[in-house]
Protein backbone atom coordinates (compact mmCIF):
# COMPACT_ATOMS: atom_id res chain seq x y z
CA MET A 1 140.79 139.43 89.87
CA GLU A 2 143.83 139.64 92.03
CA PHE A 3 144.34 142.03 94.88
CA GLU A 4 146.91 144.55 94.50
CA ARG A 5 150.47 143.54 95.62
CA ARG A 6 153.15 146.04 96.63
CA GLY A 7 156.56 145.86 98.02
CA SER A 8 158.55 142.99 99.33
CA ALA A 9 157.51 139.53 99.46
CA ASN A 10 156.32 139.72 103.08
CA ARG A 11 153.73 142.08 104.49
CA ARG A 12 153.91 145.06 102.24
CA HIS A 13 150.41 144.80 100.62
CA ARG A 14 148.26 147.86 101.97
CA ILE A 15 144.61 147.85 101.50
CA ALA A 16 142.15 150.63 102.46
CA ALA A 17 140.07 149.64 105.59
CA GLY A 18 136.68 150.48 104.00
CA ASN A 19 137.48 148.49 100.93
CA LEU A 20 138.62 145.55 102.98
CA ALA A 21 135.51 145.62 105.15
CA GLY A 22 133.14 145.92 102.10
CA PHE A 23 134.75 142.81 100.65
CA ALA A 24 134.56 140.91 103.94
CA ALA A 25 130.96 141.79 104.49
CA ALA A 26 130.07 140.80 100.84
CA ALA A 27 131.74 137.41 101.36
CA LEU A 28 129.80 136.88 104.60
CA SER A 29 126.46 137.88 103.13
CA SER A 30 127.14 135.43 100.14
CA ALA A 31 127.19 132.64 102.79
CA GLY A 32 123.83 133.54 104.08
CA VAL A 33 124.62 136.05 106.91
CA PRO A 34 122.15 138.96 106.92
CA ASP A 35 123.67 142.21 105.70
CA GLU A 36 123.68 143.98 108.96
CA ASP A 37 125.36 141.01 110.74
CA ALA A 38 127.74 140.62 107.97
CA ARG A 39 128.85 144.28 108.20
CA LEU A 40 129.36 143.86 111.97
CA VAL A 41 131.51 140.85 111.60
CA ALA A 42 133.48 142.34 108.73
CA ASP A 43 134.04 145.50 110.79
CA SER A 44 135.32 143.56 113.74
CA LEU A 45 137.76 141.67 111.64
CA VAL A 46 139.13 144.85 109.90
CA GLN A 47 139.20 146.82 113.16
CA ALA A 48 141.48 144.06 114.63
CA ASP A 49 143.81 144.74 111.64
CA LEU A 50 143.50 148.52 112.22
CA TRP A 51 144.73 147.94 115.77
CA GLY A 52 147.66 145.72 114.70
CA HIS A 53 145.82 142.51 115.89
CA GLU A 54 146.49 140.93 112.59
CA SER A 55 146.07 137.47 114.40
CA HIS A 56 142.30 138.28 114.86
CA GLY A 57 141.88 140.20 111.54
CA VAL A 58 140.74 139.27 108.08
CA MET A 59 143.15 136.17 108.12
CA ARG A 60 140.22 134.51 110.00
CA LEU A 61 137.61 135.28 107.32
CA SER A 62 138.34 132.02 105.35
CA SER A 63 137.93 129.89 108.49
CA CYS A 64 134.66 131.75 109.28
CA LEU A 65 133.29 130.89 105.84
CA LYS A 66 134.32 127.39 106.20
CA ARG A 67 132.51 127.00 109.46
CA LEU A 68 129.39 128.52 108.01
CA ALA A 69 129.58 126.28 104.99
CA SER A 70 129.67 123.23 107.27
CA ALA A 71 126.82 124.60 109.26
CA VAL A 72 128.64 124.08 112.52
CA MET A 73 128.18 127.79 112.89
CA ARG A 74 124.80 129.30 111.84
CA ALA A 75 124.62 132.22 109.46
CA VAL A 76 121.34 133.74 110.97
CA THR A 77 122.03 134.43 114.68
CA GLU A 78 119.01 133.68 116.97
CA VAL A 79 119.61 134.31 120.62
CA ARG A 80 117.42 132.74 123.22
CA VAL A 81 116.91 134.14 126.79
CA ILE A 82 117.21 131.28 129.23
CA SER A 83 116.63 133.42 132.36
CA GLU A 84 116.54 136.98 133.56
CA TYR A 85 116.82 138.18 137.08
CA GLY A 86 117.09 141.99 137.38
CA ALA A 87 120.53 142.90 136.35
CA VAL A 88 121.51 139.41 135.26
CA ALA A 89 120.62 137.27 132.25
CA VAL A 90 121.55 134.04 130.79
CA TRP A 91 121.51 133.69 126.96
CA ASP A 92 121.78 130.92 124.53
CA GLY A 93 123.60 131.82 121.40
CA GLY A 94 122.30 128.82 119.32
CA ASP A 95 125.67 128.43 117.54
CA GLY A 96 125.30 131.76 115.91
CA LEU A 97 128.12 134.24 114.94
CA GLY A 98 130.32 135.15 117.99
CA GLN A 99 130.72 138.86 117.20
CA VAL A 100 126.82 139.24 116.69
CA ILE A 101 126.09 137.56 119.83
CA ALA A 102 128.74 139.45 121.72
CA ALA A 103 127.57 142.82 120.36
CA ARG A 104 123.89 142.13 121.34
CA ALA A 105 125.03 141.01 124.74
CA MET A 106 127.10 144.09 125.31
CA ARG A 107 124.36 146.43 124.35
CA ALA A 108 121.99 144.62 126.69
CA ALA A 109 124.40 144.65 129.58
CA MET A 110 124.91 148.27 129.02
CA GLN A 111 121.11 149.01 129.14
CA ARG A 112 120.78 146.87 132.41
CA ALA A 113 123.80 148.73 134.01
CA ALA A 114 122.23 152.00 133.21
CA VAL A 115 119.26 150.96 135.37
CA HIS A 116 120.82 148.77 138.02
CA GLY A 117 124.39 150.26 138.17
CA VAL A 118 125.90 146.89 137.36
CA SER A 119 125.02 144.03 135.21
CA ALA A 120 126.03 140.58 134.15
CA ILE A 121 125.09 138.47 131.04
CA SER A 122 126.25 134.92 130.68
CA VAL A 123 126.22 133.41 127.25
CA ARG A 124 126.38 129.64 126.21
CA ASN A 125 126.69 128.00 122.83
CA SER A 126 128.43 130.92 121.16
CA ASN A 127 131.39 131.10 118.75
CA HIS A 128 134.70 132.72 118.67
CA TYR A 129 134.02 136.58 118.62
CA GLY A 130 137.46 137.77 117.43
CA THR A 131 139.07 140.64 119.36
CA ALA A 132 137.43 141.13 122.74
CA MET A 133 138.23 144.82 123.03
CA TYR A 134 135.99 145.51 119.93
CA PHE A 135 133.05 145.04 122.29
CA THR A 136 134.51 146.35 125.62
CA ARG A 137 135.23 149.68 123.84
CA MET A 138 131.47 150.13 123.42
CA ALA A 139 131.04 151.00 127.27
CA PRO A 140 133.43 153.87 127.77
CA PRO A 141 131.63 156.44 125.59
CA GLN A 142 128.56 155.66 127.65
CA GLY A 143 130.25 156.30 130.85
CA GLN A 144 130.66 152.69 131.72
CA ILE A 145 133.33 150.04 132.36
CA ALA A 146 133.14 146.76 130.62
CA LEU A 147 134.65 143.27 131.31
CA LEU A 148 134.27 140.55 128.84
CA MET A 149 135.64 137.09 129.08
CA THR A 150 135.46 133.76 126.93
CA ASN A 151 136.75 130.30 127.29
CA ALA A 152 138.50 128.75 124.22
CA SER A 153 139.61 125.55 122.79
CA PRO A 154 142.40 123.69 124.63
CA ALA A 155 145.89 125.23 124.00
CA MET A 156 147.88 124.68 127.13
CA ALA A 157 148.42 121.85 129.72
CA PRO A 158 147.33 122.18 133.24
CA TRP A 159 150.33 123.32 135.38
CA GLY A 160 152.64 120.35 135.77
CA GLY A 161 150.66 118.30 133.05
CA THR A 162 151.40 117.24 129.44
CA LEU A 163 147.97 117.30 127.73
CA ALA A 164 146.28 120.41 126.24
CA THR A 165 143.20 120.78 128.45
CA VAL A 166 142.91 124.60 129.16
CA GLY A 167 142.21 127.38 126.62
CA THR A 168 143.88 130.75 126.15
CA ASN A 169 140.49 132.02 127.76
CA PRO A 170 141.11 135.71 126.88
CA TRP A 171 139.71 138.68 128.57
CA SER A 172 139.30 142.44 128.04
CA ILE A 173 138.40 145.50 130.26
CA GLY A 174 137.53 148.75 128.73
CA ALA A 175 137.16 151.96 130.78
CA PRO A 176 136.89 155.84 129.90
CA ALA A 177 139.96 157.91 130.15
CA GLY A 178 138.61 161.35 130.04
CA ARG A 179 140.28 163.43 127.30
CA TYR A 180 142.42 160.37 126.29
CA PRO A 181 141.39 157.42 124.08
CA PRO A 182 139.81 154.72 126.39
CA LEU A 183 141.75 152.33 128.50
CA LEU A 184 141.53 149.04 126.81
CA LEU A 185 143.15 145.75 127.77
CA ASP A 186 142.76 142.53 125.68
CA ILE A 187 144.84 139.50 126.74
CA ALA A 188 145.10 135.87 126.64
CA ASN A 189 146.36 133.81 129.52
CA THR A 190 149.12 132.14 127.54
CA SER A 191 152.38 133.76 126.81
CA VAL A 192 150.65 134.73 123.41
CA ALA A 193 147.32 134.20 121.64
CA ARG A 194 147.24 131.07 119.40
CA GLY A 195 146.32 133.52 116.53
CA LYS A 196 149.79 135.13 116.67
CA ILE A 197 151.37 131.81 116.02
CA LEU A 198 148.98 131.24 113.19
CA LEU A 199 150.02 134.66 111.96
CA ALA A 200 153.71 133.75 112.11
CA ARG A 201 152.96 130.61 110.10
CA GLN A 202 151.16 132.87 107.57
CA GLN A 203 154.08 134.95 107.22
CA GLY A 204 156.70 132.12 107.08
CA ARG A 205 158.62 133.40 110.20
CA PRO A 206 159.79 131.78 113.46
CA ILE A 207 158.17 132.59 116.76
CA PRO A 208 159.99 133.91 119.82
CA ALA A 209 161.37 131.29 122.35
CA GLY A 210 159.14 131.01 125.36
CA TRP A 211 155.83 130.96 123.42
CA ALA A 212 155.37 127.32 123.08
CA VAL A 213 156.59 123.64 123.17
CA ASP A 214 156.34 121.07 120.51
CA ARG A 215 154.52 117.74 120.92
CA MET A 216 157.36 116.17 122.79
CA GLY A 217 157.44 119.05 125.25
CA GLU A 218 160.56 120.58 123.94
CA PRO A 219 160.92 124.47 123.48
CA THR A 220 160.39 125.36 119.74
CA THR A 221 160.48 128.47 117.59
CA ASP A 222 158.73 126.74 114.62
CA PRO A 223 155.12 127.94 114.40
CA VAL A 224 154.00 124.60 112.84
CA GLN A 225 155.51 122.56 115.62
CA ALA A 226 154.09 124.98 118.15
CA LEU A 227 150.57 124.57 116.83
CA ALA A 228 151.02 120.85 117.04
CA GLY A 229 152.22 121.13 120.60
CA LEU A 230 151.28 123.34 123.72
CA LEU A 231 151.27 127.07 124.29
CA LEU A 232 152.95 128.06 127.57
CA PRO A 233 150.90 130.11 130.07
CA MET A 234 151.86 133.72 130.85
CA GLY A 235 153.42 134.08 134.28
CA GLY A 236 153.82 130.23 134.89
CA HIS A 237 151.21 128.84 137.16
CA LYS A 238 149.58 132.29 137.46
CA GLY A 239 148.43 132.34 133.83
CA TYR A 240 147.19 128.78 134.25
CA GLY A 241 145.19 129.68 137.29
CA ILE A 242 143.56 132.70 135.70
CA ALA A 243 142.67 130.51 132.55
CA VAL A 244 140.95 127.94 134.66
CA MET A 245 138.87 130.57 136.71
CA ILE A 246 137.72 132.23 133.40
CA ASP A 247 136.66 128.75 132.19
CA VAL A 248 134.67 128.57 135.45
CA LEU A 249 133.03 131.97 134.78
CA ALA A 250 132.58 131.70 131.08
CA GLY A 251 131.97 127.92 130.55
CA VAL A 252 130.88 126.18 133.74
CA LEU A 253 128.76 128.89 134.96
CA SER A 254 127.01 129.65 131.58
CA GLY A 255 126.08 126.13 130.95
CA SER A 256 128.22 125.90 127.98
CA SER A 257 131.19 123.63 127.16
CA TYR A 258 134.47 123.82 129.02
CA ALA A 259 138.00 122.42 129.14
CA GLY A 260 138.59 120.00 126.36
CA ALA A 261 134.99 120.08 125.08
CA VAL A 262 135.48 123.68 123.54
CA GLN A 263 136.27 123.62 119.74
CA GLY A 264 138.31 126.47 118.00
CA PRO A 265 137.39 128.75 115.15
CA TYR A 266 139.79 126.78 112.84
CA GLN A 267 137.74 123.53 113.36
CA ALA A 268 135.26 123.42 110.60
CA GLU A 269 133.55 120.27 111.38
CA ARG A 270 132.51 120.71 114.98
CA ARG A 271 130.41 123.32 116.81
CA SER A 272 132.33 125.54 119.18
CA GLY A 273 130.36 125.46 122.37
CA CYS A 274 132.23 128.34 123.84
CA GLY A 275 130.76 130.49 126.56
CA HIS A 276 131.12 134.27 127.58
CA LEU A 277 130.58 136.43 130.59
CA LEU A 278 129.98 140.13 130.27
CA VAL A 279 130.06 142.49 133.28
CA VAL A 280 129.25 146.22 132.94
CA LEU A 281 129.63 148.81 135.72
CA ASN A 282 127.85 152.21 135.39
CA ILE A 283 130.42 154.73 136.71
CA SER A 284 127.79 157.25 137.91
CA ALA A 285 126.63 154.61 140.46
CA PHE A 286 130.08 154.72 142.10
CA MET A 287 131.02 158.42 141.57
CA PRO A 288 130.32 161.21 139.28
CA LEU A 289 131.61 160.46 135.80
CA GLN A 290 133.28 163.83 135.64
CA GLU A 291 135.25 162.82 138.71
CA PHE A 292 136.19 159.46 137.35
CA ASN A 293 137.53 160.93 134.22
CA ALA A 294 139.68 163.30 136.19
CA ARG A 295 141.20 160.56 138.15
CA ALA A 296 141.79 158.42 135.00
CA GLU A 297 143.52 161.33 133.32
CA GLU A 298 145.68 161.73 136.30
CA LEU A 299 146.41 157.96 136.40
CA ILE A 300 147.59 158.18 132.73
CA ARG A 301 149.58 161.32 133.46
CA GLN A 302 151.41 159.62 136.29
CA LEU A 303 152.20 156.46 134.10
CA LYS A 304 153.33 158.59 131.16
CA SER A 305 155.55 160.74 133.52
CA VAL A 306 157.75 157.71 134.35
CA PRO A 307 161.08 157.90 132.54
CA ALA A 308 161.28 155.48 129.80
CA ALA A 309 163.69 152.41 130.07
CA PRO A 310 166.64 152.15 127.76
CA GLY A 311 165.36 151.14 124.22
CA CYS A 312 161.85 152.26 124.96
CA GLY A 313 160.70 155.75 123.61
CA GLU A 314 158.01 156.39 126.08
CA VAL A 315 155.62 154.82 128.45
CA LEU A 316 152.24 153.94 126.86
CA TYR A 317 149.01 152.99 128.73
CA PRO A 318 146.82 149.99 127.76
CA GLY A 319 144.92 151.00 124.52
CA GLU A 320 147.31 153.61 123.54
CA PRO A 321 149.46 151.48 121.07
CA GLU A 322 146.22 150.48 119.34
CA ALA A 323 145.02 153.92 119.13
CA ARG A 324 148.15 155.07 117.47
CA PHE A 325 148.49 151.97 115.08
CA GLU A 326 144.85 152.66 113.96
CA GLU A 327 145.42 156.44 113.18
CA ARG A 328 148.51 155.35 110.93
CA ALA A 329 146.68 152.36 109.43
CA ARG A 330 143.69 154.45 108.41
CA LEU A 331 146.03 156.86 106.45
CA GLU A 332 148.34 154.19 104.94
CA GLY A 333 146.00 151.21 104.59
CA ILE A 334 146.16 147.74 106.06
CA ALA A 335 149.16 145.62 105.47
CA LEU A 336 148.51 141.98 104.91
CA PRO A 337 151.02 138.99 104.63
CA ASP A 338 151.22 137.07 101.32
CA LYS A 339 149.18 134.18 102.71
CA THR A 340 146.25 136.21 104.01
CA LEU A 341 146.16 137.91 100.65
CA ALA A 342 146.03 134.57 98.77
CA ASP A 343 143.23 133.35 101.02
CA LEU A 344 141.29 136.69 100.20
CA GLU A 345 141.96 136.02 96.43
CA GLN A 346 140.58 132.42 96.77
CA ILE A 347 137.38 133.84 98.39
CA ALA A 348 136.98 136.24 95.66
CA ARG A 349 137.25 133.47 93.07
CA THR A 350 135.05 131.01 94.90
CA THR A 351 132.26 133.59 95.73
CA GLY A 352 132.65 135.63 92.41
CA ILE A 353 132.86 138.74 94.53
CA ALA A 354 134.70 141.48 92.71
CA ALA A 355 137.97 142.34 94.36
CA ALA A 356 138.83 145.52 92.42
CA GLY A 357 138.05 147.75 95.55
CA ILE A 358 140.59 146.07 97.62
CA ARG A 359 143.42 148.75 96.90
CA ALA A 360 145.12 151.34 99.04
């Protein structure tokens, strides 16, 4: 059965978030993922779409299923504790599902921070976990601040080099904001996440200049050429430097793979080997939570009181665009490009899972 198609040929197909999550969870369960874990992974993908992070949304479901089918990623996630030292722990993810590993690690880090004031959990042998702010947002409701980083497959060259050796190595910070939705930052260290170029390829549109160069080192707006070439670091040498240091923290320190040895989520024949670092701060160990929230609210007030630049409606704080996008997407449904919709239809045919509920 085909998914409902509406509107023009590009990105006008809206699907209710709950129906989309149910379909994704059923597909993952059919691949041997335990039901609870399948629901978590599915929710993380759909939540990315709800935030407008389509590059990390359900367009990744097909690749996830391929990695499960080839057994380079294990359907049943079994985490092993390598060491524990008070507020610090080292885990081995055993090539399990990245989202499941990250969620378990974040909960454990939050529990340790509640006791010690601060905690750090290092993870080796994990997989891509999707949108990092899905996990850092877990801390603010508990009066905590979370920092999460991961290394990734090579996407950019070392500054001054010509060979992809350094990953996008994204990171996220989540903090309470009092009466406002939480402050949430989630960024890669390249000009753009690789997933956004993949999304452009899905949608059949060019990418902006300055995102990437082709395999000959020439600037390109062709997403296919960009994926075969190199992504450019954000802020020139600064983005490169941050990416390398995150590789130190998430890869070298964790005992996982690093630099060119990390494999990406679209590589279905090789284990990922990516690593993570999670750090959680319990705000009450630093100051009363009520005081922190008041200060955060004042920070946001000052940011939003700045006059908007020409062409900008208003100043937004980190996390506010996603909160607004989600509010609208939950009402109107999630818009998917044709290629993503076709991938989901293929999953439905392959697995025999009914797609009738995937309707706005």
